[in-house]
Amino acid sequence: EDLTRTGRIEPGELMEKVNQSTYGAFFCEVAVNAFTGE
């Protein structure tokens, strides 16, 4: 027959014990119009 299960999760001690942030870096090139500032 069909097999159904429910999963649950809650934040625990790790949220307080470890900083879990995400990281990255941006690099870009722009052109600025010498007459209009665009």
Full PDB file with SEQRES, HELIX, SHEET, SSBOND, CRYST1, ORIGX, SCALE, CONECT and MASTER records, all heavy atoms in Angstrom:
SEQRES   1 A   38  GLU ASP LEU THR ARG THR GLY ARG ILE GLU PRO GLY GLU          
SEQRES   2 A   38  LEU MET GLU LYS VAL ASN GLN SER THR TYR GLY ALA PHE          
SEQRES   3 A   38  PHE CYS GLU VAL ALA VAL ASN ALA PHE THR GLY GLU              
HELIX    1 AA1 LEU A   14  LYS A   17  1                                   4    
CRYST1    1.000    1.000    1.000  90.00  90.00  90.00 P 1           1          
ORIGX1      1.000000  0.000000  0.000000        0.00000                         
ORIGX2      0.000000  1.000000  0.000000        0.00000                         
ORIGX3      0.000000  0.000000  1.000000        0.00000                         
SCALE1      1.000000  0.000000  0.000000        0.00000                         
SCALE2      0.000000  1.000000  0.000000        0.00000                         
SCALE3      0.000000  0.000000  1.000000        0.00000                         
ATOM      1  N   GLU A   1       0.852  -1.184   0.000  1.00  0.00           N  
ATOM      2  CA  GLU A   1       0.000   0.000   0.000  1.00  0.00           C  
ATOM      3  C   GLU A   1       0.890   1.237   0.000  1.00  0.00           C  
ATOM      4  O   GLU A   1       2.120   1.131   0.105  1.00  0.00           O  
ATOM      5  CB  GLU A   1      -0.914   0.013   1.233  1.00  0.00           C  
ATOM      6  CG  GLU A   1      -0.146   0.004   2.546  1.00  0.00           C  
ATOM      7  CD  GLU A   1      -1.066  -0.065   3.752  1.00  0.00           C  
ATOM      8  OE1 GLU A   1      -2.292  -0.096   3.560  1.00  0.00           O  
ATOM      9  OE2 GLU A   1      -0.552  -0.052   4.885  1.00  0.00           O  
ATOM     10  N   ASP A   2       0.273   2.389  -0.126  1.00  0.00           N  
ATOM     11  CA  ASP A   2       1.058   3.625  -0.096  1.00  0.00           C  
ATOM     12  C   ASP A   2       1.786   3.742   1.240  1.00  0.00           C  
ATOM     13  O   ASP A   2       1.243   3.399   2.302  1.00  0.00           O  
ATOM     14  CB  ASP A   2       0.145   4.836  -0.275  1.00  0.00           C  
ATOM     15  CG  ASP A   2      -0.480   4.897  -1.657  1.00  0.00           C  
ATOM     16  OD1 ASP A   2      -0.101   4.085  -2.516  1.00  0.00           O  
ATOM     17  OD2 ASP A   2      -1.356   5.767  -1.864  1.00  0.00           O  
ATOM     18  N   LEU A   3       3.000   4.252   1.170  1.00  0.00           N  
ATOM     19  CA  LEU A   3       3.833   4.407   2.364  1.00  0.00           C  
ATOM     20  C   LEU A   3       4.019   5.898   2.613  1.00  0.00           C  
ATOM     21  O   LEU A   3       4.638   6.603   1.808  1.00  0.00           O  
ATOM     22  CB  LEU A   3       5.179   3.714   2.133  1.00  0.00           C  
ATOM     23  CG  LEU A   3       6.180   3.653   3.288  1.00  0.00           C  
ATOM     24  CD1 LEU A   3       5.566   2.995   4.524  1.00  0.00           C  
ATOM     25  CD2 LEU A   3       7.425   2.880   2.841  1.00  0.00           C  
ATOM     26  N   THR A   4       3.476   6.403   3.722  1.00  0.00           N  
ATOM     27  CA  THR A   4       3.505   7.841   4.020  1.00  0.00           C  
ATOM     28  C   THR A   4       4.239   8.090   5.328  1.00  0.00           C  
ATOM     29  O   THR A   4       3.995   7.420   6.331  1.00  0.00           O  
ATOM     30  CB  THR A   4       2.076   8.402   4.134  1.00  0.00           C  
ATOM     31  OG1 THR A   4       1.398   8.215   2.888  1.00  0.00           O  
ATOM     32  CG2 THR A   4       2.109   9.895   4.456  1.00  0.00           C  
ATOM     33  N   ARG A   5       5.133   9.053   5.293  1.00  0.00           N  
ATOM     34  CA  ARG A   5       5.860   9.460   6.492  1.00  0.00           C  
ATOM     35  C   ARG A   5       5.946  10.990   6.527  1.00  0.00           C  
ATOM     36  O   ARG A   5       5.979  11.652   5.489  1.00  0.00           O  
ATOM     37  CB  ARG A   5       7.269   8.878   6.515  1.00  0.00           C  
ATOM     38  CG  ARG A   5       7.317   7.355   6.543  1.00  0.00           C  
ATOM     39  CD  ARG A   5       6.818   6.808   7.871  1.00  0.00           C  
ATOM     40  NE  ARG A   5       6.934   5.357   7.941  1.00  0.00           N  
ATOM     41  CZ  ARG A   5       5.941   4.504   7.690  1.00  0.00           C  
ATOM     42  NH1 ARG A   5       4.746   4.976   7.317  1.00  0.00           N  
ATOM     43  NH2 ARG A   5       6.126   3.207   7.807  1.00  0.00           N  
ATOM     44  N   THR A   6       6.004  11.526   7.734  1.00  0.00           N  
ATOM     45  CA  THR A   6       6.124  12.968   7.929  1.00  0.00           C  
ATOM     46  C   THR A   6       7.445  13.264   8.615  1.00  0.00           C  
ATOM     47  O   THR A   6       7.816  12.598   9.583  1.00  0.00           O  
ATOM     48  CB  THR A   6       4.960  13.506   8.785  1.00  0.00           C  
ATOM     49  OG1 THR A   6       3.726  13.220   8.116  1.00  0.00           O  
ATOM     50  CG2 THR A   6       5.084  15.010   8.977  1.00  0.00           C  
ATOM     51  N   GLY A   7       8.136  14.253   8.090  1.00  0.00           N  
ATOM     52  CA  GLY A   7       9.401  14.679   8.680  1.00  0.00           C  
ATOM     53  C   GLY A   7       9.279  16.060   9.286  1.00  0.00           C  
ATOM     54  O   GLY A   7       8.565  16.918   8.759  1.00  0.00           O  
ATOM     55  N   ARG A   8       9.955  16.255  10.394  1.00  0.00           N  
ATOM     56  CA  ARG A   8       9.970  17.558  11.048  1.00  0.00           C  
ATOM     57  C   ARG A   8      11.394  17.921  11.430  1.00  0.00           C  
ATOM     58  O   ARG A   8      12.200  17.048  11.728  1.00  0.00           O  
ATOM     59  CB  ARG A   8       9.120  17.550  12.330  1.00  0.00           C  
ATOM     60  CG  ARG A   8       7.642  17.343  12.123  1.00  0.00           C  
ATOM     61  CD  ARG A   8       6.874  17.660  13.405  1.00  0.00           C  
ATOM     62  NE  ARG A   8       5.456  17.380  13.251  1.00  0.00           N  
ATOM     63  CZ  ARG A   8       4.833  16.318  13.740  1.00  0.00           C  
ATOM     64  NH1 ARG A   8       5.523  15.408  14.403  1.00  0.00           N  
ATOM     65  NH2 ARG A   8       3.536  16.143  13.563  1.00  0.00           N  
ATOM     66  N   ILE A   9      11.675  19.210  11.438  1.00  0.00           N  
ATOM     67  CA  ILE A   9      12.962  19.697  11.931  1.00  0.00           C  
ATOM     68  C   ILE A   9      12.745  20.990  12.683  1.00  0.00           C  
ATOM     69  O   ILE A   9      11.840  21.772  12.365  1.00  0.00           O  
ATOM     70  CB  ILE A   9      13.973  19.894  10.783  1.00  0.00           C  
ATOM     71  CG1 ILE A   9      15.369  20.126  11.353  1.00  0.00           C  
ATOM     72  CG2 ILE A   9      13.561  21.041   9.854  1.00  0.00           C  
ATOM     73  CD1 ILE A   9      16.487  19.967  10.350  1.00  0.00           C  
ATOM     74  N   GLU A  10      13.545  21.178  13.718  1.00  0.00           N  
ATOM     75  CA  GLU A  10      13.548  22.425  14.469  1.00  0.00           C  
ATOM     76  C   GLU A  10      14.987  22.847  14.695  1.00  0.00           C  
ATOM     77  O   GLU A  10      15.878  22.007  14.852  1.00  0.00           O  
ATOM     78  CB  GLU A  10      12.855  22.258  15.827  1.00  0.00           C  
ATOM     79  CG  GLU A  10      11.368  21.980  15.746  1.00  0.00           C  
ATOM     80  CD  GLU A  10      10.720  22.036  17.122  1.00  0.00           C  
ATOM     81  OE1 GLU A  10      11.121  22.916  17.909  1.00  0.00           O  
ATOM     82  OE2 GLU A  10       9.833  21.218  17.393  1.00  0.00           O  
ATOM     83  N   PRO A  11      15.253  24.151  14.705  1.00  0.00           N  
ATOM     84  CA  PRO A  11      16.616  24.594  15.020  1.00  0.00           C  
ATOM     85  C   PRO A  11      16.968  24.195  16.443  1.00  0.00           C  
ATOM     86  O   PRO A  11      16.107  24.187  17.333  1.00  0.00           O  
ATOM     87  CB  PRO A  11      16.545  26.110  14.852  1.00  0.00           C  
ATOM     88  CG  PRO A  11      15.088  26.449  15.008  1.00  0.00           C  
ATOM     89  CD  PRO A  11      14.340  25.273  14.465  1.00  0.00           C  
ATOM     90  N   GLY A  12      18.212  23.838  16.645  1.00  0.00           N  
ATOM     91  CA  GLY A  12      18.660  23.404  17.964  1.00  0.00           C  
ATOM     92  C   GLY A  12      19.870  24.190  18.439  1.00  0.00           C  
ATOM     93  O   GLY A  12      20.067  25.359  18.081  1.00  0.00           O  
ATOM     94  N   GLU A  13      20.705  23.517  19.214  1.00  0.00           N  
ATOM     95  CA  GLU A  13      21.834  24.188  19.839  1.00  0.00           C  
ATOM     96  C   GLU A  13      22.848  24.717  18.837  1.00  0.00           C  
ATOM     97  O   GLU A  13      23.563  25.688  19.107  1.00  0.00           O  
ATOM     98  CB  GLU A  13      22.526  23.220  20.812  1.00  0.00           C  
ATOM     99  CG  GLU A  13      21.659  22.803  21.981  1.00  0.00           C  
ATOM    100  CD  GLU A  13      22.357  21.800  22.880  1.00  0.00           C  
ATOM    101  OE1 GLU A  13      23.500  21.406  22.541  1.00  0.00           O  
ATOM    102  OE2 GLU A  13      21.786  21.421  23.917  1.00  0.00           O  
ATOM    103  N   LEU A  14      22.932  24.078  17.680  1.00  0.00           N  
ATOM    104  CA  LEU A  14      23.930  24.497  16.696  1.00  0.00           C  
ATOM    105  C   LEU A  14      23.728  25.935  16.231  1.00  0.00           C  
ATOM    106  O   LEU A  14      24.688  26.617  15.851  1.00  0.00           O  
ATOM    107  CB  LEU A  14      23.905  23.563  15.481  1.00  0.00           C  
ATOM    108  CG  LEU A  14      24.539  22.190  15.690  1.00  0.00           C  
ATOM    109  CD1 LEU A  14      24.272  21.293  14.491  1.00  0.00           C  
ATOM    110  CD2 LEU A  14      26.037  22.328  15.921  1.00  0.00           C  
ATOM    111  N   MET A  15      22.484  26.402  16.237  1.00  0.00           N  
ATOM    112  CA  MET A  15      22.205  27.779  15.812  1.00  0.00           C  
ATOM    113  C   MET A  15      22.926  28.781  16.712  1.00  0.00           C  
ATOM    114  O   MET A  15      23.301  29.874  16.283  1.00  0.00           O  
ATOM    115  CB  MET A  15      20.707  28.050  15.836  1.00  0.00           C  
ATOM    116  CG  MET A  15      19.948  27.397  14.695  1.00  0.00           C  
ATOM    117  SD  MET A  15      20.124  28.265  13.122  1.00  0.00           S  
ATOM    118  CE  MET A  15      19.187  29.744  13.451  1.00  0.00           C  
ATOM    119  N   GLU A  16      23.125  28.424  17.987  1.00  0.00           N  
ATOM    120  CA  GLU A  16      23.774  29.316  18.935  1.00  0.00           C  
ATOM    121  C   GLU A  16      25.265  29.031  19.062  1.00  0.00           C  
ATOM    122  O   GLU A  16      26.060  29.942  19.292  1.00  0.00           O  
ATOM    123  CB  GLU A  16      23.111  29.175  20.317  1.00  0.00           C  
ATOM    124  CG  GLU A  16      21.622  29.460  20.327  1.00  0.00           C  
ATOM    125  CD  GLU A  16      21.313  30.887  19.921  1.00  0.00           C  
ATOM    126  OE1 GLU A  16      22.133  31.786  20.229  1.00  0.00           O  
ATOM    127  OE2 GLU A  16      20.271  31.115  19.290  1.00  0.00           O  
ATOM    128  N   LYS A  17      25.653  27.783  18.872  1.00  0.00           N  
ATOM    129  CA  LYS A  17      27.044  27.389  19.118  1.00  0.00           C  
ATOM    130  C   LYS A  17      27.979  27.707  17.963  1.00  0.00           C  
ATOM    131  O   LYS A  17      29.191  27.844  18.161  1.00  0.00           O  
ATOM    132  CB  LYS A  17      27.113  25.888  19.418  1.00  0.00           C  
ATOM    133  CG  LYS A  17      26.535  25.485  20.762  1.00  0.00           C  
ATOM    134  CD  LYS A  17      26.722  23.993  20.987  1.00  0.00           C  
ATOM    135  CE  LYS A  17      26.240  23.574  22.371  1.00  0.00           C  
ATOM    136  NZ  LYS A  17      26.420  22.119  22.582  1.00  0.00           N  
ATOM    137  N   VAL A  18      27.435  27.776  16.743  1.00  0.00           N  
ATOM    138  CA  VAL A  18      28.277  27.909  15.554  1.00  0.00           C  
ATOM    139  C   VAL A  18      27.705  28.993  14.643  1.00  0.00           C  
ATOM    140  O   VAL A  18      26.505  29.009  14.374  1.00  0.00           O  
ATOM    141  CB  VAL A  18      28.357  26.571  14.778  1.00  0.00           C  
ATOM    142  CG1 VAL A  18      29.293  26.700  13.592  1.00  0.00           C  
ATOM    143  CG2 VAL A  18      28.814  25.441  15.688  1.00  0.00           C  
ATOM    144  N   ASN A  19      28.555  29.899  14.172  1.00  0.00           N  
ATOM    145  CA  ASN A  19      28.131  30.885  13.188  1.00  0.00           C  
ATOM    146  C   ASN A  19      28.050  30.202  11.829  1.00  0.00           C  
ATOM    147  O   ASN A  19      29.035  29.652  11.337  1.00  0.00           O  
ATOM    148  CB  ASN A  19      29.126  32.049  13.144  1.00  0.00           C  
ATOM    149  CG  ASN A  19      28.700  33.134  12.192  1.00  0.00           C  
ATOM    150  OD1 ASN A  19      28.763  32.966  10.980  1.00  0.00           O  
ATOM    151  ND2 ASN A  19      28.255  34.257  12.731  1.00  0.00           N  
ATOM    152  N   GLN A  20      26.876  30.264  11.193  1.00  0.00           N  
ATOM    153  CA  GLN A  20      26.625  29.477   9.978  1.00  0.00           C  
ATOM    154  C   GLN A  20      26.344  30.368   8.769  1.00  0.00           C  
ATOM    155  O   GLN A  20      25.468  30.084   7.974  1.00  0.00           O  
ATOM    156  CB  GLN A  20      25.437  28.547  10.212  1.00  0.00           C  
ATOM    157  CG  GLN A  20      25.607  27.617  11.380  1.00  0.00           C  
ATOM    158  CD  GLN A  20      24.322  26.919  11.749  1.00  0.00           C  
ATOM    159  OE1 GLN A  20      23.370  26.870  10.985  1.00  0.00           O  
ATOM    160  NE2 GLN A  20      24.287  26.369  12.949  1.00  0.00           N  
ATOM    161  N   SER A  21      27.076  31.404   8.602  1.00  0.00           N  
ATOM    162  CA  SER A  21      26.783  32.373   7.554  1.00  0.00           C  
ATOM    163  C   SER A  21      27.225  31.890   6.173  1.00  0.00           C  
ATOM    164  O   SER A  21      27.937  30.902   6.036  1.00  0.00           O  
ATOM    165  CB  SER A  21      27.462  33.703   7.885  1.00  0.00           C  
ATOM    166  OG  SER A  21      27.027  34.168   9.148  1.00  0.00           O  
ATOM    167  N   THR A  22      26.767  32.613   5.165  1.00  0.00           N  
ATOM    168  CA  THR A  22      27.147  32.338   3.783  1.00  0.00           C  
ATOM    169  C   THR A  22      28.025  33.480   3.283  1.00  0.00           C  
ATOM    170  O   THR A  22      27.946  34.601   3.784  1.00  0.00           O  
ATOM    171  CB  THR A  22      25.911  32.196   2.887  1.00  0.00           C  
ATOM    172  OG1 THR A  22      25.123  33.397   2.979  1.00  0.00           O  
ATOM    173  CG2 THR A  22      25.058  31.013   3.328  1.00  0.00           C  
ATOM    174  N   TYR A  23      28.842  33.187   2.264  1.00  0.00           N  
ATOM    175  CA  TYR A  23      29.853  34.153   1.841  1.00  0.00           C  
ATOM    176  C   TYR A  23      29.983  34.184   0.329  1.00  0.00           C  
ATOM    177  O   TYR A  23      29.581  33.246  -0.365  1.00  0.00           O  
ATOM    178  CB  TYR A  23      31.216  33.813   2.464  1.00  0.00           C  
ATOM    179  CG  TYR A  23      31.210  33.866   3.960  1.00  0.00           C  
ATOM    180  CD1 TYR A  23      30.891  32.734   4.715  1.00  0.00           C  
ATOM    181  CD2 TYR A  23      31.493  35.048   4.629  1.00  0.00           C  
ATOM    182  CE1 TYR A  23      30.858  32.778   6.097  1.00  0.00           C  
ATOM    183  CE2 TYR A  23      31.467  35.101   6.018  1.00  0.00           C  
ATOM    184  CZ  TYR A  23      31.141  33.972   6.744  1.00  0.00           C  
ATOM    185  OH  TYR A  23      31.103  34.034   8.101  1.00  0.00           O  
ATOM    186  N   GLY A  24      30.584  35.266  -0.147  1.00  0.00           N  
ATOM    187  CA  GLY A  24      30.837  35.382  -1.574  1.00  0.00           C  
ATOM    188  C   GLY A  24      31.654  36.620  -1.865  1.00  0.00           C  
ATOM    189  O   GLY A  24      32.163  37.297  -0.960  1.00  0.00           O  
ATOM    190  N   ALA A  25      31.799  36.926  -3.142  1.00  0.00           N  
ATOM    191  CA  ALA A  25      32.545  38.105  -3.569  1.00  0.00           C  
ATOM    192  C   ALA A  25      31.999  38.593  -4.895  1.00  0.00           C  
ATOM    193  O   ALA A  25      31.550  37.797  -5.732  1.00  0.00           O  
ATOM    194  CB  ALA A  25      34.030  37.782  -3.698  1.00  0.00           C  
ATOM    195  N   PHE A  26      32.028  39.911  -5.079  1.00  0.00           N  
ATOM    196  CA  PHE A  26      31.569  40.549  -6.318  1.00  0.00           C  
ATOM    197  C   PHE A  26      32.729  41.275  -6.987  1.00  0.00           C  
ATOM    198  O   PHE A  26      33.557  41.904  -6.311  1.00  0.00           O  
ATOM    199  CB  PHE A  26      30.473  41.584  -6.031  1.00  0.00           C  
ATOM    200  CG  PHE A  26      29.284  41.052  -5.298  1.00  0.00           C  
ATOM    201  CD1 PHE A  26      29.135  41.278  -3.942  1.00  0.00           C  
ATOM    202  CD2 PHE A  26      28.294  40.335  -5.959  1.00  0.00           C  
ATOM    203  CE1 PHE A  26      28.027  40.801  -3.253  1.00  0.00           C  
ATOM    204  CE2 PHE A  26      27.186  39.859  -5.284  1.00  0.00           C  
ATOM    205  CZ  PHE A  26      27.058  40.090  -3.926  1.00  0.00           C  
ATOM    206  N   PHE A  27      32.747  41.215  -8.297  1.00  0.00           N  
ATOM    207  CA  PHE A  27      33.697  41.980  -9.108  1.00  0.00           C  
ATOM    208  C   PHE A  27      32.918  42.588 -10.270  1.00  0.00           C  
ATOM    209  O   PHE A  27      32.103  41.894 -10.893  1.00  0.00           O  
ATOM    210  CB  PHE A  27      34.814  41.083  -9.634  1.00  0.00           C  
ATOM    211  CG  PHE A  27      35.675  40.498  -8.544  1.00  0.00           C  
ATOM    212  CD1 PHE A  27      35.284  39.358  -7.863  1.00  0.00           C  
ATOM    213  CD2 PHE A  27      36.870  41.106  -8.197  1.00  0.00           C  
ATOM    214  CE1 PHE A  27      36.063  38.823  -6.847  1.00  0.00           C  
ATOM    215  CE2 PHE A  27      37.660  40.579  -7.182  1.00  0.00           C  
ATOM    216  CZ  PHE A  27      37.261  39.441  -6.504  1.00  0.00           C  
ATOM    217  N   CYS A  28      33.145  43.860 -10.544  1.00  0.00           N  
ATOM    218  CA  CYS A  28      32.373  44.483 -11.620  1.00  0.00           C  
ATOM    219  C   CYS A  28      33.201  45.536 -12.345  1.00  0.00           C  
ATOM    220  O   CYS A  28      34.209  46.039 -11.828  1.00  0.00           O  
ATOM    221  CB  CYS A  28      31.084  45.100 -11.090  1.00  0.00           C  
ATOM    222  SG  CYS A  28      31.329  46.522 -10.003  1.00  0.00           S  
ATOM    223  N   GLU A  29      32.748  45.851 -13.533  1.00  0.00           N  
ATOM    224  CA  GLU A  29      33.355  46.892 -14.354  1.00  0.00           C  
ATOM    225  C   GLU A  29      32.264  47.864 -14.768  1.00  0.00           C  
ATOM    226  O   GLU A  29      31.192  47.447 -15.215  1.00  0.00           O  
ATOM    227  CB  GLU A  29      34.006  46.279 -15.595  1.00  0.00           C  
ATOM    228  CG  GLU A  29      34.668  47.304 -16.513  1.00  0.00           C  
ATOM    229  CD  GLU A  29      35.309  46.632 -17.714  1.00  0.00           C  
ATOM    230  OE1 GLU A  29      36.450  46.159 -17.575  1.00  0.00           O  
ATOM    231  OE2 GLU A  29      34.648  46.559 -18.777  1.00  0.00           O  
ATOM    232  N   VAL A  30      32.552  49.163 -14.613  1.00  0.00           N  
ATOM    233  CA  VAL A  30      31.575  50.184 -14.977  1.00  0.00           C  
ATOM    234  C   VAL A  30      32.196  51.164 -15.962  1.00  0.00           C  
ATOM    235  O   VAL A  30      33.425  51.293 -16.061  1.00  0.00           O  
ATOM    236  CB  VAL A  30      31.066  50.974 -13.746  1.00  0.00           C  
ATOM    237  CG1 VAL A  30      30.461  50.048 -12.714  1.00  0.00           C  
ATOM    238  CG2 VAL A  30      32.170  51.834 -13.146  1.00  0.00           C  
ATOM    239  N   ALA A  31      31.317  51.845 -16.663  1.00  0.00           N  
ATOM    240  CA  ALA A  31      31.707  52.971 -17.505  1.00  0.00           C  
ATOM    241  C   ALA A  31      30.942  54.197 -17.017  1.00  0.00           C  
ATOM    242  O   ALA A  31      29.728  54.135 -16.827  1.00  0.00           O  
ATOM    243  CB  ALA A  31      31.385  52.684 -18.967  1.00  0.00           C  
ATOM    244  N   VAL A  32      31.652  55.287 -16.772  1.00  0.00           N  
ATOM    245  CA  VAL A  32      31.044  56.531 -16.313  1.00  0.00           C  
ATOM    246  C   VAL A  32      31.247  57.585 -17.400  1.00  0.00           C  
ATOM    247  O   VAL A  32      32.377  57.851 -17.818  1.00  0.00           O  
ATOM    248  CB  VAL A  32      31.664  57.019 -14.997  1.00  0.00           C  
ATOM    249  CG1 VAL A  32      31.030  58.337 -14.560  1.00  0.00           C  
ATOM    250  CG2 VAL A  32      31.496  55.964 -13.905  1.00  0.00           C  
ATOM    251  N   ASN A  33      30.148  58.160 -17.856  1.00  0.00           N  
ATOM    252  CA  ASN A  33      30.232  59.149 -18.926  1.00  0.00           C  
ATOM    253  C   ASN A  33      30.885  60.431 -18.406  1.00  0.00           C  
ATOM    254  O   ASN A  33      30.443  61.010 -17.410  1.00  0.00           O  
ATOM    255  CB  ASN A  33      28.851  59.453 -19.489  1.00  0.00           C  
ATOM    256  CG  ASN A  33      28.919  60.270 -20.753  1.00  0.00           C  
ATOM    257  OD1 ASN A  33      29.123  61.475 -20.727  1.00  0.00           O  
ATOM    258  ND2 ASN A  33      28.738  59.602 -21.896  1.00  0.00           N  
ATOM    259  N   ALA A  34      31.925  60.857 -19.086  1.00  0.00           N  
ATOM    260  CA  ALA A  34      32.705  62.003 -18.636  1.00  0.00           C  
ATOM    261  C   ALA A  34      31.925  63.311 -18.708  1.00  0.00           C  
ATOM    262  O   ALA A  34      32.276  64.286 -18.029  1.00  0.00           O  
ATOM    263  CB  ALA A  34      33.974  62.120 -19.477  1.00  0.00           C  
ATOM    264  N   PHE A  35      30.851  63.368 -19.497  1.00  0.00           N  
ATOM    265  CA  PHE A  35      30.086  64.598 -19.675  1.00  0.00           C  
ATOM    266  C   PHE A  35      28.781  64.603 -18.885  1.00  0.00           C  
ATOM    267  O   PHE A  35      28.359  65.637 -18.369  1.00  0.00           O  
ATOM    268  CB  PHE A  35      29.785  64.812 -21.163  1.00  0.00           C  
ATOM    269  CG  PHE A  35      31.020  65.040 -21.990  1.00  0.00           C  
ATOM    270  CD1 PHE A  35      31.654  63.981 -22.614  1.00  0.00           C  
ATOM    271  CD2 PHE A  35      31.560  66.307 -22.132  1.00  0.00           C  
ATOM    272  CE1 PHE A  35      32.792  64.184 -23.377  1.00  0.00           C  
ATOM    273  CE2 PHE A  35      32.699  66.523 -22.892  1.00  0.00           C  
ATOM    274  CZ  PHE A  35      33.324  65.452 -23.513  1.00  0.00           C  
ATOM    275  N   THR A  36      28.110  63.444 -18.790  1.00  0.00           N  
ATOM    276  CA  THR A  36      26.778  63.400 -18.181  1.00  0.00           C  
ATOM    277  C   THR A  36      26.748  62.767 -16.799  1.00  0.00           C  
ATOM    278  O   THR A  36      25.769  62.916 -16.074  1.00  0.00           O  
ATOM    279  CB  THR A  36      25.807  62.612 -19.082  1.00  0.00           C  
ATOM    280  OG1 THR A  36      26.193  61.222 -19.091  1.00  0.00           O  
ATOM    281  CG2 THR A  36      25.812  63.150 -20.496  1.00  0.00           C  
ATOM    282  N   GLY A  37      27.788  62.021 -16.440  1.00  0.00           N  
ATOM    283  CA  GLY A  37      27.785  61.316 -15.165  1.00  0.00           C  
ATOM    284  C   GLY A  37      26.987  60.029 -15.180  1.00  0.00           C  
ATOM    285  O   GLY A  37      26.849  59.370 -14.154  1.00  0.00           O  
ATOM    286  N   GLU A  38      26.457  59.650 -16.328  1.00  0.00           N  
ATOM    287  CA  GLU A  38      25.724  58.392 -16.420  1.00  0.00           C  
ATOM    288  C   GLU A  38      26.665  57.215 -16.155  1.00  0.00           C  
ATOM    289  O   GLU A  38      27.795  57.197 -16.651  1.00  0.00           O  
ATOM    290  CB  GLU A  38      25.107  58.234 -17.810  1.00  0.00           C  
ATOM    291  CG  GLU A  38      24.380  56.896 -18.013  1.00  0.00           C  
ATOM    292  CD  GLU A  38      23.994  56.645 -19.455  1.00  0.00           C  
ATOM    293  OE1 GLU A  38      24.217  57.535 -20.309  1.00  0.00           O  
ATOM    294  OE2 GLU A  38      23.478  55.556 -19.733  1.00  0.00           O  
TER     295      GLU A  38                                                      
MASTER        0    0    0    1    0    0    0    6  294    1    0    3          
END                                                                             
